[in-house]
């Protein structure tokens, strides 16, 4: 019985997840957790909506962003973006058949709309 040419032998097969796959999994889970926390902070930091009932009864509402929560929101969102870009760059460089320089340029071009 002939062995197929492209099939790996038992020695060459991977026994578990490598560090890169674990990094991508943890980056994905961590990014989503931080995004959920940032969404909660956004809810409390944004200006309050003033309805007609509140206006009629003279109830005060906050018309500006909460200055104490805003830096936390911006920091969490920046970390989420950096974590996503790092995972994207790793995935492109590890799994693409492009040369490394083309993969880096592709990541750079894809990150421009996010940064802008």
Protein backbone atom coordinates (compact mmCIF):
# COMPACT_ATOMS: atom_id res chain seq x y z
CA UNK A 1 0.00 0.00 0.00
CA UNK A 2 1.44 3.32 -1.08
CA UNK A 3 1.53 6.30 1.23
CA UNK A 4 0.20 9.57 -0.29
CA UNK A 5 2.93 12.07 -1.06
CA UNK A 6 1.51 15.03 0.86
CA UNK A 7 0.35 13.24 3.99
CA UNK A 8 2.45 13.92 7.09
CA UNK A 9 3.87 11.03 9.03
CA UNK A 10 2.87 10.35 12.61
CA UNK A 11 6.02 12.12 13.85
CA UNK A 12 5.31 15.32 11.93
CA UNK A 13 1.73 15.81 13.09
CA UNK A 14 1.08 18.48 15.66
CA UNK A 15 0.20 17.28 19.11
CA UNK A 16 -1.62 20.42 20.23
CA UNK A 17 -2.18 24.07 19.54
CA UNK A 18 0.93 26.13 18.96
CA UNK A 19 1.57 29.43 20.72
CA UNK A 20 0.30 31.49 17.79
CA UNK A 21 -3.10 29.85 17.76
CA UNK A 22 -3.39 30.32 21.50
CA UNK A 23 -2.41 33.98 21.11
CA UNK A 24 -5.15 34.46 18.51
CA UNK A 25 -7.73 32.77 20.74
CA UNK A 26 -6.77 34.79 23.81
CA UNK A 27 -6.60 38.03 21.82
CA UNK A 28 -10.07 37.41 20.45
CA UNK A 29 -11.59 36.59 23.84
CA UNK A 30 -9.74 39.45 25.57
CA UNK A 31 -10.73 41.92 22.87
CA UNK A 32 -14.41 41.03 23.16
CA UNK A 33 -14.33 41.26 26.95
CA UNK A 34 -12.69 44.69 26.76
CA UNK A 35 -15.19 45.79 24.13
CA UNK A 36 -18.12 44.80 26.37
CA UNK A 37 -16.56 46.69 29.29
CA UNK A 38 -16.01 49.72 27.00
CA UNK A 39 -19.67 49.54 25.95
CA UNK A 40 -20.75 49.64 29.60
CA UNK A 41 -18.44 52.60 30.28
CA UNK A 42 -19.82 54.30 27.14
CA UNK A 43 -23.34 53.97 28.53
CA UNK A 44 -22.42 55.81 31.72
CA UNK A 45 -20.03 58.35 30.12
CA UNK A 46 -22.24 59.67 27.31
CA UNK A 47 -24.50 62.70 27.68
CA UNK A 48 -27.99 61.98 28.94
CA UNK A 49 -30.99 62.28 26.66
CA UNK A 50 -33.44 64.93 27.79
CA UNK A 51 -37.05 64.04 27.06
CA UNK A 52 -40.02 66.37 26.94
CA UNK A 53 -41.23 65.19 30.36
CA UNK A 54 -37.86 66.00 31.92
CA UNK A 55 -37.87 69.40 30.27
CA UNK A 56 -41.44 70.08 31.44
CA UNK A 57 -40.71 69.20 35.07
CA UNK A 58 -37.34 70.97 35.03
CA UNK A 59 -35.30 67.83 35.74
CA UNK A 60 -31.58 68.42 35.21
CA UNK A 61 -29.75 66.20 32.72
CA UNK A 62 -26.07 66.01 31.93
CA UNK A 63 -25.47 67.52 28.46
CA UNK A 64 -21.73 66.75 28.21
CA UNK A 65 -19.56 63.66 28.41
CA UNK A 66 -18.50 62.46 31.86
CA UNK A 67 -14.90 63.68 32.08
CA UNK A 68 -13.85 61.08 34.65
CA UNK A 69 -14.97 58.06 32.58
CA UNK A 70 -13.91 59.32 29.16
CA UNK A 71 -10.15 58.50 29.50
CA UNK A 72 -11.04 54.93 30.53
CA UNK A 73 -13.28 54.57 27.50
CA UNK A 74 -10.66 55.92 25.14
CA UNK A 75 -7.95 53.72 26.66
CA UNK A 76 -10.03 50.55 26.42
CA UNK A 77 -10.96 51.27 22.82
CA UNK A 78 -7.31 51.96 21.95
CA UNK A 79 -6.27 48.65 23.55
CA UNK A 80 -9.01 46.84 21.62
CA UNK A 81 -7.78 48.34 18.34
CA UNK A 82 -4.13 47.49 19.07
CA UNK A 83 -5.01 43.95 20.13
CA UNK A 84 -7.08 43.44 16.99
CA UNK A 85 -4.31 44.79 14.76
CA UNK A 86 -1.70 42.61 16.47
CA UNK A 87 -3.86 39.51 15.98
CA UNK A 88 -4.56 40.46 12.38
CA UNK A 89 -0.88 41.04 11.61
CA UNK A 90 0.06 37.76 13.25
CA UNK A 91 -2.60 35.85 11.34
CA UNK A 92 -1.51 37.36 8.04
CA UNK A 93 2.19 36.76 8.62
CA UNK A 94 1.76 33.24 9.97
CA UNK A 95 -0.81 31.85 7.59
CA UNK A 96 -0.55 33.79 4.36
CA UNK A 97 1.57 32.70 1.47
CA UNK A 98 2.59 36.27 0.79
CA UNK A 99 6.10 37.50 1.48
CA UNK A 100 6.48 39.12 4.89
CA UNK A 101 6.80 42.65 3.52
CA UNK A 102 3.57 42.33 1.53
CA UNK A 103 1.78 41.03 4.63
CA UNK A 104 3.02 43.95 6.72
CA UNK A 105 1.94 46.42 4.04
CA UNK A 106 -1.47 44.74 3.84
CA UNK A 107 -1.89 45.10 7.63
CA UNK A 108 -0.79 48.72 7.44
CA UNK A 109 -3.29 49.51 4.68
CA UNK A 110 -6.11 47.78 6.55
CA UNK A 111 -5.30 49.67 9.75
CA UNK A 112 -5.49 53.12 8.14
CA UNK A 113 -9.30 53.39 8.24
CA UNK A 114 -9.30 52.27 11.88
CA UNK A 115 -6.71 54.84 12.92
CA UNK A 116 -8.26 57.63 10.88
